[in-house]
N, C-alpha and C. Protein backbone atom coordinates (compact mmCIF):
# COMPACT_ATOMS: atom_id res chain seq x y z
N MET A 1 132.58 141.71 -7.98
CA MET A 1 131.84 140.75 -8.78
C MET A 1 132.03 141.10 -10.25
N ALA A 2 132.09 140.09 -11.06
CA ALA A 2 132.29 140.29 -12.48
C ALA A 2 131.03 140.86 -13.11
N LYS A 3 131.23 141.67 -14.12
CA LYS A 3 130.10 142.17 -14.90
C LYS A 3 129.77 141.08 -15.91
N GLY A 4 128.58 140.59 -15.92
CA GLY A 4 128.21 139.55 -16.86
C GLY A 4 128.84 138.23 -16.46
N ASN A 5 128.96 137.35 -17.42
CA ASN A 5 129.52 136.03 -17.19
C ASN A 5 131.01 136.05 -17.49
N PHE A 6 131.85 136.06 -16.44
CA PHE A 6 133.29 136.24 -16.62
C PHE A 6 133.90 135.14 -17.47
N MET A 7 133.38 133.93 -17.38
CA MET A 7 133.99 132.83 -18.13
C MET A 7 133.85 133.05 -19.63
N ASN A 8 132.85 133.82 -20.06
CA ASN A 8 132.71 134.13 -21.47
C ASN A 8 133.56 135.32 -21.89
N ASN A 9 133.94 136.16 -20.92
CA ASN A 9 134.67 137.38 -21.23
C ASN A 9 136.16 137.28 -20.99
N LEU A 10 136.57 136.61 -19.96
CA LEU A 10 137.97 136.58 -19.58
C LEU A 10 138.64 135.33 -20.15
N LYS A 11 139.64 135.57 -20.95
CA LYS A 11 140.41 134.45 -21.51
C LYS A 11 141.45 134.03 -20.50
N PRO A 12 141.90 132.78 -20.58
CA PRO A 12 142.95 132.34 -19.64
C PRO A 12 144.15 133.28 -19.68
N ILE A 13 144.56 133.69 -18.51
CA ILE A 13 145.69 134.62 -18.39
C ILE A 13 146.34 134.40 -17.03
N ARG A 14 147.60 134.64 -16.96
CA ARG A 14 148.34 134.55 -15.69
C ARG A 14 148.18 135.86 -14.94
N LEU A 15 148.13 135.77 -13.63
CA LEU A 15 148.06 136.95 -12.79
C LEU A 15 149.31 137.82 -13.02
N SER A 16 150.44 137.18 -13.19
CA SER A 16 151.69 137.92 -13.42
C SER A 16 151.60 138.75 -14.71
N ASP A 17 150.90 138.24 -15.72
CA ASP A 17 150.74 139.00 -16.97
C ASP A 17 149.88 140.24 -16.75
N LEU A 18 148.83 140.10 -15.95
CA LEU A 18 147.99 141.26 -15.65
C LEU A 18 148.75 142.31 -14.87
N LYS A 19 149.57 141.87 -13.93
CA LYS A 19 150.38 142.81 -13.14
C LYS A 19 151.39 143.53 -14.04
N THR A 20 151.96 142.81 -14.99
CA THR A 20 152.90 143.42 -15.94
C THR A 20 152.19 144.46 -16.80
N GLN A 21 150.97 144.15 -17.24
CA GLN A 21 150.19 145.11 -18.02
C GLN A 21 149.99 146.40 -17.23
N ALA A 22 149.70 146.27 -15.94
CA ALA A 22 149.47 147.45 -15.10
C ALA A 22 150.74 148.29 -14.97
N VAL A 23 151.86 147.63 -14.79
CA VAL A 23 153.14 148.35 -14.68
C VAL A 23 153.44 149.11 -15.97
N PHE A 24 153.23 148.47 -17.11
CA PHE A 24 153.49 149.13 -18.39
C PHE A 24 152.51 150.27 -18.65
N LEU A 25 151.29 150.14 -18.17
CA LEU A 25 150.31 151.21 -18.33
C LEU A 25 150.81 152.48 -17.63
N ILE A 26 151.33 152.33 -16.43
CA ILE A 26 151.87 153.49 -15.70
C ILE A 26 153.11 154.02 -16.40
N LYS A 27 154.01 153.14 -16.81
CA LYS A 27 155.23 153.58 -17.49
C LYS A 27 154.90 154.35 -18.76
N ASP A 28 153.91 153.88 -19.50
CA ASP A 28 153.52 154.58 -20.74
C ASP A 28 152.99 155.97 -20.43
N LEU A 29 152.24 156.11 -19.36
CA LEU A 29 151.72 157.41 -18.98
C LEU A 29 152.85 158.37 -18.58
N LYS A 30 153.80 157.87 -17.82
CA LYS A 30 154.84 158.71 -17.25
C LYS A 30 156.03 158.94 -18.18
N ASN A 31 156.38 157.96 -18.98
CA ASN A 31 157.66 158.00 -19.69
C ASN A 31 157.59 157.93 -21.21
N ASN A 32 156.41 157.74 -21.76
CA ASN A 32 156.34 157.53 -23.20
C ASN A 32 155.41 158.57 -23.84
N PRO A 33 155.99 159.65 -24.36
CA PRO A 33 155.16 160.71 -24.96
C PRO A 33 154.23 160.20 -26.08
N ASP A 34 154.67 159.17 -26.80
CA ASP A 34 153.85 158.64 -27.88
C ASP A 34 152.62 157.89 -27.36
N LEU A 35 152.70 157.37 -26.15
CA LEU A 35 151.59 156.57 -25.60
C LEU A 35 150.90 157.20 -24.40
N SER A 36 151.40 158.34 -23.93
CA SER A 36 150.83 158.92 -22.71
C SER A 36 149.36 159.31 -22.87
N SER A 37 148.97 159.82 -24.02
CA SER A 37 147.57 160.20 -24.24
C SER A 37 146.66 158.97 -24.21
N LYS A 38 147.10 157.91 -24.87
CA LYS A 38 146.32 156.67 -24.88
C LYS A 38 146.20 156.10 -23.46
N SER A 39 147.29 156.12 -22.72
CA SER A 39 147.28 155.64 -21.33
C SER A 39 146.37 156.50 -20.47
N ALA A 40 146.46 157.81 -20.64
CA ALA A 40 145.62 158.72 -19.86
C ALA A 40 144.15 158.42 -20.09
N LYS A 41 143.77 158.19 -21.34
CA LYS A 41 142.37 157.85 -21.66
C LYS A 41 141.93 156.62 -20.88
N ARG A 42 142.82 155.65 -20.78
CA ARG A 42 142.49 154.42 -20.05
C ARG A 42 142.28 154.71 -18.56
N PHE A 43 143.12 155.57 -18.00
CA PHE A 43 142.98 155.91 -16.57
C PHE A 43 141.71 156.72 -16.30
N LEU A 44 141.24 157.46 -17.29
CA LEU A 44 140.04 158.28 -17.09
C LEU A 44 138.78 157.43 -16.88
N GLN A 45 138.87 156.13 -17.14
CA GLN A 45 137.75 155.22 -16.92
C GLN A 45 137.42 155.03 -15.45
N ILE A 46 138.42 155.17 -14.59
CA ILE A 46 138.19 154.86 -13.17
C ILE A 46 137.66 156.08 -12.43
N SER A 47 136.86 155.83 -11.42
CA SER A 47 136.11 156.90 -10.76
C SER A 47 136.98 157.99 -10.15
N CYS A 48 138.14 157.65 -9.64
CA CYS A 48 138.96 158.69 -8.99
C CYS A 48 139.51 159.71 -9.99
N PHE A 49 139.45 159.41 -11.27
CA PHE A 49 139.92 160.36 -12.28
C PHE A 49 138.78 160.87 -13.17
N SER A 50 137.56 160.52 -12.84
CA SER A 50 136.44 161.02 -13.64
C SER A 50 136.38 162.54 -13.48
N GLY A 51 136.06 163.20 -14.52
CA GLY A 51 136.01 164.66 -14.50
C GLY A 51 137.35 165.31 -14.83
N LYS A 52 138.39 164.52 -14.90
CA LYS A 52 139.71 165.05 -15.28
C LYS A 52 139.86 164.94 -16.79
N THR A 53 140.88 165.57 -17.32
CA THR A 53 141.16 165.49 -18.76
C THR A 53 142.45 164.72 -18.99
N GLU A 54 142.65 164.31 -20.22
CA GLU A 54 143.91 163.62 -20.57
C GLU A 54 145.10 164.50 -20.22
N ASP A 55 145.02 165.77 -20.64
CA ASP A 55 146.14 166.69 -20.39
C ASP A 55 146.41 166.83 -18.89
N TRP A 56 145.35 166.96 -18.09
CA TRP A 56 145.54 167.09 -16.66
C TRP A 56 146.24 165.86 -16.10
N LEU A 57 145.80 164.68 -16.53
CA LEU A 57 146.37 163.44 -16.02
C LEU A 57 147.84 163.28 -16.44
N ILE A 58 148.13 163.67 -17.66
CA ILE A 58 149.52 163.59 -18.14
C ILE A 58 150.39 164.56 -17.33
N GLU A 59 149.86 165.72 -17.06
CA GLU A 59 150.57 166.73 -16.28
C GLU A 59 150.77 166.30 -14.83
N HIS A 60 149.82 165.57 -14.28
CA HIS A 60 149.86 165.14 -12.88
C HIS A 60 150.11 163.63 -12.78
N TYR A 61 150.90 163.10 -13.68
CA TYR A 61 151.17 161.66 -13.72
C TYR A 61 151.70 161.11 -12.39
N ASP A 62 152.34 161.96 -11.62
CA ASP A 62 152.96 161.51 -10.38
C ASP A 62 151.94 161.06 -9.32
N ILE A 63 150.68 161.38 -9.49
CA ILE A 63 149.68 160.93 -8.51
C ILE A 63 149.11 159.55 -8.86
N VAL A 64 149.42 159.08 -10.07
CA VAL A 64 148.91 157.78 -10.50
C VAL A 64 149.72 156.67 -9.83
N GLN A 65 149.00 155.75 -9.21
CA GLN A 65 149.63 154.65 -8.48
C GLN A 65 149.30 153.32 -9.14
N LEU A 66 150.03 152.30 -8.73
CA LEU A 66 149.82 150.96 -9.28
C LEU A 66 148.39 150.49 -9.03
N LYS A 67 147.82 150.82 -7.87
CA LYS A 67 146.44 150.42 -7.58
C LYS A 67 145.47 150.99 -8.62
N HIS A 68 145.76 152.18 -9.14
CA HIS A 68 144.92 152.75 -10.19
C HIS A 68 145.04 151.94 -11.48
N ALA A 69 146.25 151.57 -11.81
CA ALA A 69 146.47 150.76 -13.02
C ALA A 69 145.77 149.40 -12.89
N TYR A 70 145.83 148.80 -11.69
CA TYR A 70 145.13 147.54 -11.47
C TYR A 70 143.63 147.70 -11.70
N ASN A 71 143.07 148.81 -11.24
CA ASN A 71 141.64 149.05 -11.45
C ASN A 71 141.30 149.24 -12.92
N VAL A 72 142.17 149.89 -13.67
CA VAL A 72 141.97 150.02 -15.11
C VAL A 72 141.94 148.64 -15.76
N ILE A 73 142.92 147.82 -15.42
CA ILE A 73 142.99 146.47 -15.99
C ILE A 73 141.73 145.68 -15.63
N ALA A 74 141.26 145.82 -14.41
CA ALA A 74 140.03 145.12 -13.99
C ALA A 74 138.84 145.57 -14.83
N LEU A 75 138.67 146.88 -14.95
CA LEU A 75 137.53 147.40 -15.74
C LEU A 75 137.60 146.95 -17.19
N GLU A 76 138.78 146.97 -17.75
CA GLU A 76 138.94 146.56 -19.16
C GLU A 76 138.67 145.07 -19.36
N ASN A 77 138.72 144.31 -18.28
CA ASN A 77 138.39 142.88 -18.34
C ASN A 77 137.00 142.60 -17.80
N ARG A 78 136.21 143.67 -17.66
CA ARG A 78 134.80 143.60 -17.26
C ARG A 78 134.60 143.14 -15.82
N PHE A 79 135.48 143.59 -14.95
CA PHE A 79 135.34 143.36 -13.52
C PHE A 79 135.23 144.70 -12.84
N ASN A 80 134.48 144.76 -11.77
CA ASN A 80 134.31 146.02 -11.05
C ASN A 80 135.54 146.42 -10.27
N THR A 81 136.29 145.43 -9.78
CA THR A 81 137.46 145.73 -8.97
C THR A 81 138.61 144.80 -9.31
N TRP A 82 139.81 145.25 -8.97
CA TRP A 82 141.00 144.42 -9.13
C TRP A 82 140.88 143.17 -8.26
N ALA A 83 140.34 143.30 -7.06
CA ALA A 83 140.20 142.15 -6.17
C ALA A 83 139.34 141.05 -6.80
N ASP A 84 138.26 141.44 -7.47
CA ASP A 84 137.40 140.46 -8.13
C ASP A 84 138.13 139.78 -9.29
N LEU A 85 138.84 140.56 -10.08
CA LEU A 85 139.59 139.99 -11.20
C LEU A 85 140.68 139.05 -10.67
N LYS A 86 141.42 139.51 -9.70
CA LYS A 86 142.52 138.71 -9.13
C LYS A 86 141.99 137.38 -8.58
N LYS A 87 140.90 137.44 -7.84
CA LYS A 87 140.31 136.22 -7.27
C LYS A 87 139.90 135.24 -8.37
N THR A 88 139.29 135.74 -9.43
CA THR A 88 138.87 134.89 -10.53
C THR A 88 140.06 134.24 -11.22
N VAL A 89 141.09 135.02 -11.47
CA VAL A 89 142.28 134.48 -12.13
C VAL A 89 142.92 133.41 -11.25
N ILE A 90 143.08 133.68 -9.99
CA ILE A 90 143.71 132.71 -9.08
C ILE A 90 142.90 131.43 -9.03
N GLU A 91 141.58 131.55 -8.88
CA GLU A 91 140.72 130.36 -8.82
C GLU A 91 140.86 129.49 -10.07
N ASN A 92 140.94 130.12 -11.23
CA ASN A 92 140.96 129.38 -12.48
C ASN A 92 142.35 128.97 -12.94
N ASP A 93 143.37 129.61 -12.40
CA ASP A 93 144.73 129.40 -12.90
C ASP A 93 145.68 128.79 -11.88
N CYS A 94 145.19 128.52 -10.66
CA CYS A 94 146.10 128.14 -9.57
C CYS A 94 146.78 126.79 -9.78
N LEU A 95 146.27 125.95 -10.66
CA LEU A 95 146.90 124.65 -10.90
C LEU A 95 147.81 124.66 -12.13
N TYR A 96 147.84 125.79 -12.82
CA TYR A 96 148.64 125.85 -14.04
C TYR A 96 150.05 126.34 -13.74
N LYS A 97 151.01 125.63 -14.29
CA LYS A 97 152.41 126.05 -14.18
C LYS A 97 153.09 125.67 -15.48
N SER A 98 153.46 126.67 -16.25
CA SER A 98 153.96 126.43 -17.61
C SER A 98 155.17 125.49 -17.64
N GLY A 99 156.04 125.59 -16.66
CA GLY A 99 157.21 124.73 -16.63
C GLY A 99 156.90 123.26 -16.37
N CYS A 100 155.68 122.97 -16.03
CA CYS A 100 155.27 121.59 -15.71
C CYS A 100 154.40 120.97 -16.79
N VAL A 101 154.03 121.72 -17.80
CA VAL A 101 153.08 121.26 -18.81
C VAL A 101 153.53 119.95 -19.47
N GLY A 102 154.82 119.72 -19.57
CA GLY A 102 155.32 118.48 -20.15
C GLY A 102 154.90 117.24 -19.38
N PHE A 103 154.45 117.41 -18.14
CA PHE A 103 154.01 116.29 -17.32
C PHE A 103 152.52 115.98 -17.47
N ILE A 104 151.83 116.75 -18.29
CA ILE A 104 150.40 116.50 -18.51
C ILE A 104 150.24 115.38 -19.52
N HIS A 105 149.41 114.42 -19.19
CA HIS A 105 149.20 113.25 -20.05
C HIS A 105 148.19 113.52 -21.16
N ALA A 106 147.13 114.25 -20.84
CA ALA A 106 146.09 114.53 -21.84
C ALA A 106 145.36 115.81 -21.45
N TRP A 107 144.92 116.55 -22.48
CA TRP A 107 144.26 117.85 -22.29
C TRP A 107 142.92 117.81 -23.02
N PHE A 108 141.86 118.27 -22.36
CA PHE A 108 140.51 118.20 -22.92
C PHE A 108 139.78 119.53 -22.70
N ASN A 109 138.85 119.84 -23.61
CA ASN A 109 137.98 120.98 -23.39
C ASN A 109 136.57 120.52 -23.00
N ASP A 110 136.43 119.23 -22.74
CA ASP A 110 135.15 118.62 -22.39
C ASP A 110 135.35 117.73 -21.15
N TYR A 111 134.58 117.99 -20.11
CA TYR A 111 134.76 117.23 -18.87
C TYR A 111 134.50 115.73 -19.07
N GLN A 112 133.44 115.37 -19.80
CA GLN A 112 133.10 113.96 -19.95
C GLN A 112 134.24 113.18 -20.61
N LYS A 113 134.86 113.76 -21.62
CA LYS A 113 135.99 113.08 -22.27
C LYS A 113 137.17 112.97 -21.32
N ALA A 114 137.40 114.01 -20.55
CA ALA A 114 138.50 113.97 -19.58
C ALA A 114 138.23 112.91 -18.52
N GLU A 115 136.99 112.82 -18.08
CA GLU A 115 136.65 111.84 -17.04
C GLU A 115 136.80 110.41 -17.56
N ILE A 116 136.41 110.16 -18.79
CA ILE A 116 136.57 108.83 -19.39
C ILE A 116 138.05 108.45 -19.42
N TYR A 117 138.88 109.37 -19.90
CA TYR A 117 140.32 109.13 -19.95
C TYR A 117 140.87 108.89 -18.55
N PHE A 118 140.46 109.71 -17.60
CA PHE A 118 140.89 109.61 -16.21
C PHE A 118 140.51 108.24 -15.62
N ARG A 119 139.30 107.79 -15.86
CA ARG A 119 138.86 106.49 -15.33
C ARG A 119 139.63 105.34 -15.97
N GLN A 120 139.98 105.48 -17.23
CA GLN A 120 140.71 104.42 -17.93
C GLN A 120 142.19 104.38 -17.54
N HIS A 121 142.79 105.55 -17.33
CA HIS A 121 144.25 105.62 -17.16
C HIS A 121 144.70 106.03 -15.76
N GLY A 122 143.78 106.52 -14.95
CA GLY A 122 144.15 106.95 -13.60
C GLY A 122 144.85 108.30 -13.63
N GLY A 123 145.49 108.63 -12.54
CA GLY A 123 146.18 109.90 -12.43
C GLY A 123 145.36 110.91 -11.63
N TYR A 124 145.46 112.15 -12.04
CA TYR A 124 144.78 113.26 -11.39
C TYR A 124 144.02 114.04 -12.46
N LEU A 125 142.76 114.34 -12.18
CA LEU A 125 141.94 115.12 -13.10
C LEU A 125 141.88 116.55 -12.56
N LEU A 126 142.47 117.49 -13.29
CA LEU A 126 142.55 118.88 -12.87
C LEU A 126 141.80 119.77 -13.85
N SER A 127 141.55 121.01 -13.43
CA SER A 127 140.93 121.96 -14.34
C SER A 127 141.75 123.24 -14.40
N PHE A 128 141.87 123.76 -15.62
CA PHE A 128 142.47 125.08 -15.87
C PHE A 128 141.43 125.84 -16.67
N TRP A 129 140.90 126.90 -16.10
CA TRP A 129 139.90 127.70 -16.77
C TRP A 129 138.76 126.80 -17.23
N LYS A 130 138.51 126.70 -18.52
CA LYS A 130 137.43 125.86 -19.03
C LYS A 130 137.92 124.49 -19.47
N ASP A 131 139.22 124.25 -19.35
CA ASP A 131 139.80 122.99 -19.81
C ASP A 131 140.04 122.03 -18.65
N PHE A 132 140.25 120.78 -19.02
CA PHE A 132 140.51 119.72 -18.05
C PHE A 132 141.74 118.96 -18.51
N VAL A 133 142.56 118.57 -17.55
CA VAL A 133 143.76 117.80 -17.87
C VAL A 133 143.84 116.59 -16.96
N VAL A 134 144.51 115.58 -17.47
CA VAL A 134 144.83 114.42 -16.67
C VAL A 134 146.35 114.35 -16.62
N CYS A 135 146.86 114.23 -15.41
CA CYS A 135 148.30 114.22 -15.23
C CYS A 135 148.67 113.15 -14.22
N GLY A 136 149.97 112.96 -14.05
CA GLY A 136 150.47 112.03 -13.06
C GLY A 136 151.03 112.75 -11.86
N LYS A 137 151.63 111.99 -10.99
CA LYS A 137 152.21 112.50 -9.74
C LYS A 137 153.29 113.55 -10.03
N GLU A 138 153.97 113.45 -11.17
CA GLU A 138 155.05 114.39 -11.50
C GLU A 138 154.52 115.83 -11.57
N TYR A 139 153.37 116.00 -12.20
CA TYR A 139 152.78 117.34 -12.30
C TYR A 139 152.38 117.84 -10.92
N ILE A 140 151.76 116.97 -10.14
CA ILE A 140 151.31 117.34 -8.80
C ILE A 140 152.51 117.76 -7.94
N SER A 141 153.60 117.06 -8.10
CA SER A 141 154.83 117.41 -7.39
C SER A 141 155.36 118.75 -7.87
N CYS A 142 155.32 118.97 -9.17
CA CYS A 142 155.83 120.20 -9.77
C CYS A 142 155.05 121.44 -9.29
N ILE A 143 153.76 121.28 -9.01
CA ILE A 143 152.97 122.42 -8.52
C ILE A 143 152.94 122.48 -7.00
N GLY A 144 153.70 121.61 -6.35
CA GLY A 144 153.86 121.69 -4.90
C GLY A 144 152.72 121.12 -4.08
N LEU A 145 152.00 120.15 -4.64
CA LEU A 145 150.87 119.58 -3.90
C LEU A 145 150.99 118.08 -3.67
N SER A 146 152.19 117.54 -3.81
CA SER A 146 152.36 116.08 -3.70
C SER A 146 152.35 115.57 -2.26
N GLN A 147 152.56 116.45 -1.30
CA GLN A 147 152.61 116.00 0.10
C GLN A 147 151.23 115.81 0.72
N TYR A 148 150.19 115.97 -0.06
CA TYR A 148 148.82 115.86 0.46
C TYR A 148 148.09 114.63 -0.08
N ASP A 149 148.77 113.49 -0.08
CA ASP A 149 148.21 112.26 -0.65
C ASP A 149 146.84 111.90 -0.09
N ASP A 150 146.68 112.04 1.23
CA ASP A 150 145.39 111.69 1.85
C ASP A 150 144.26 112.60 1.34
N HIS A 151 144.57 113.86 1.13
CA HIS A 151 143.56 114.80 0.63
C HIS A 151 143.20 114.48 -0.82
N TRP A 152 144.21 114.17 -1.63
CA TRP A 152 143.94 113.79 -3.02
C TRP A 152 143.06 112.54 -3.07
N LYS A 153 143.41 111.58 -2.24
CA LYS A 153 142.62 110.35 -2.19
C LYS A 153 141.18 110.67 -1.77
N SER A 154 141.02 111.54 -0.79
CA SER A 154 139.67 111.92 -0.31
C SER A 154 138.83 112.59 -1.39
N ILE A 155 139.46 113.37 -2.26
CA ILE A 155 138.68 114.02 -3.31
C ILE A 155 138.54 113.13 -4.55
N GLY A 156 139.10 111.92 -4.48
CA GLY A 156 139.00 111.00 -5.61
C GLY A 156 139.93 111.37 -6.74
N TYR A 157 140.98 112.12 -6.44
CA TYR A 157 141.96 112.60 -7.43
C TYR A 157 141.30 113.43 -8.53
N ASN A 158 140.12 113.96 -8.23
CA ASN A 158 139.34 114.71 -9.21
C ASN A 158 139.08 116.12 -8.69
N TRP A 159 139.84 117.07 -9.19
CA TRP A 159 139.72 118.47 -8.78
C TRP A 159 138.39 119.07 -9.25
N ALA A 160 137.94 118.68 -10.42
CA ALA A 160 136.74 119.26 -11.03
C ALA A 160 135.46 118.83 -10.29
N LYS A 161 135.45 117.62 -9.78
CA LYS A 161 134.28 117.11 -9.05
C LYS A 161 134.77 116.33 -7.83
N PRO A 162 135.23 117.05 -6.83
CA PRO A 162 135.81 116.39 -5.66
C PRO A 162 134.77 115.68 -4.80
N ASN A 163 135.16 114.51 -4.27
CA ASN A 163 134.28 113.74 -3.38
C ASN A 163 134.16 114.37 -2.00
N ASP A 164 135.22 114.99 -1.52
CA ASP A 164 135.28 115.51 -0.16
C ASP A 164 135.56 117.02 -0.22
N LYS A 165 134.57 117.80 0.15
CA LYS A 165 134.68 119.27 0.06
C LYS A 165 135.72 119.83 1.02
N LYS A 166 135.84 119.26 2.21
CA LYS A 166 136.80 119.76 3.18
C LYS A 166 138.24 119.52 2.70
N ALA A 167 138.50 118.34 2.20
CA ALA A 167 139.83 118.02 1.66
C ALA A 167 140.13 118.91 0.45
N PHE A 168 139.10 119.13 -0.37
CA PHE A 168 139.28 120.00 -1.53
C PHE A 168 139.63 121.42 -1.10
N GLN A 169 138.95 121.93 -0.09
CA GLN A 169 139.22 123.30 0.39
C GLN A 169 140.67 123.46 0.80
N LEU A 170 141.21 122.46 1.52
CA LEU A 170 142.61 122.55 1.93
C LEU A 170 143.53 122.55 0.70
N LEU A 171 143.30 121.63 -0.22
CA LEU A 171 144.12 121.56 -1.44
C LEU A 171 144.01 122.86 -2.24
N ASN A 172 142.81 123.37 -2.34
CA ASN A 172 142.57 124.60 -3.09
C ASN A 172 143.33 125.77 -2.47
N GLU A 173 143.28 125.90 -1.15
CA GLU A 173 144.02 126.97 -0.48
C GLU A 173 145.52 126.82 -0.68
N LYS A 174 146.03 125.60 -0.59
CA LYS A 174 147.46 125.35 -0.82
C LYS A 174 147.84 125.70 -2.25
N ALA A 175 146.99 125.32 -3.20
CA ALA A 175 147.27 125.62 -4.62
C ALA A 175 147.29 127.13 -4.86
N LYS A 176 146.34 127.84 -4.27
CA LYS A 176 146.31 129.31 -4.45
C LYS A 176 147.52 129.96 -3.80
N ASN A 177 147.90 129.50 -2.62
CA ASN A 177 149.10 130.06 -1.96
C ASN A 177 150.36 129.79 -2.79
N ASN A 178 150.47 128.58 -3.32
CA ASN A 178 151.62 128.25 -4.18
C ASN A 178 151.63 129.13 -5.42
N TYR A 179 150.48 129.34 -6.00
CA TYR A 179 150.37 130.17 -7.21
C TYR A 179 150.82 131.60 -6.91
N LEU A 180 150.38 132.13 -5.80
CA LEU A 180 150.72 133.50 -5.43
C LEU A 180 152.19 133.65 -5.06
N SER A 181 152.82 132.59 -4.64
CA SER A 181 154.23 132.68 -4.24
C SER A 181 155.18 132.50 -5.42
N GLN A 182 154.65 132.13 -6.60
CA GLN A 182 155.49 131.98 -7.79
C GLN A 182 156.02 133.34 -8.23
N LYS A 183 157.23 133.37 -8.66
CA LYS A 183 157.82 134.61 -9.17
C LYS A 183 157.72 134.63 -10.66
């Protein structure tokens, strides 16, 4: 569970970016004498290294694993665990795909404005983090969810306020699986 209100603390970020941060954190500890002390301090935040010193951790860098780096990244983003952080990022970012952004018709930071545009122009009303977008079938196809026309129709083409919870659950699971399978 997030510490405090995660939406106020966590800025939009890709899961792949967080994983890259974790990899570099380990590399800095193991391979970069200029940054190893700073990296060691970051690892000392997690419970399995409490009571250790920077020097000890630098000396025993070989015991540090990627799971430890993930936990550091989670704590630094005010989450108790990597699993909580990962779940939050996936939930908020699963419909975003940078290579498809050109297919977005309009972008809003206010749901009411997005809904007005959506009702006037049609399409699909999606949410990314705190923002809302209206897009066409091209974007839906680009994110791999175009084969679920009946489900989209059931939710009223509105991801933010779906009419049918069961249809939304299926679409949501497909979106998260697609997001996780992206390289």
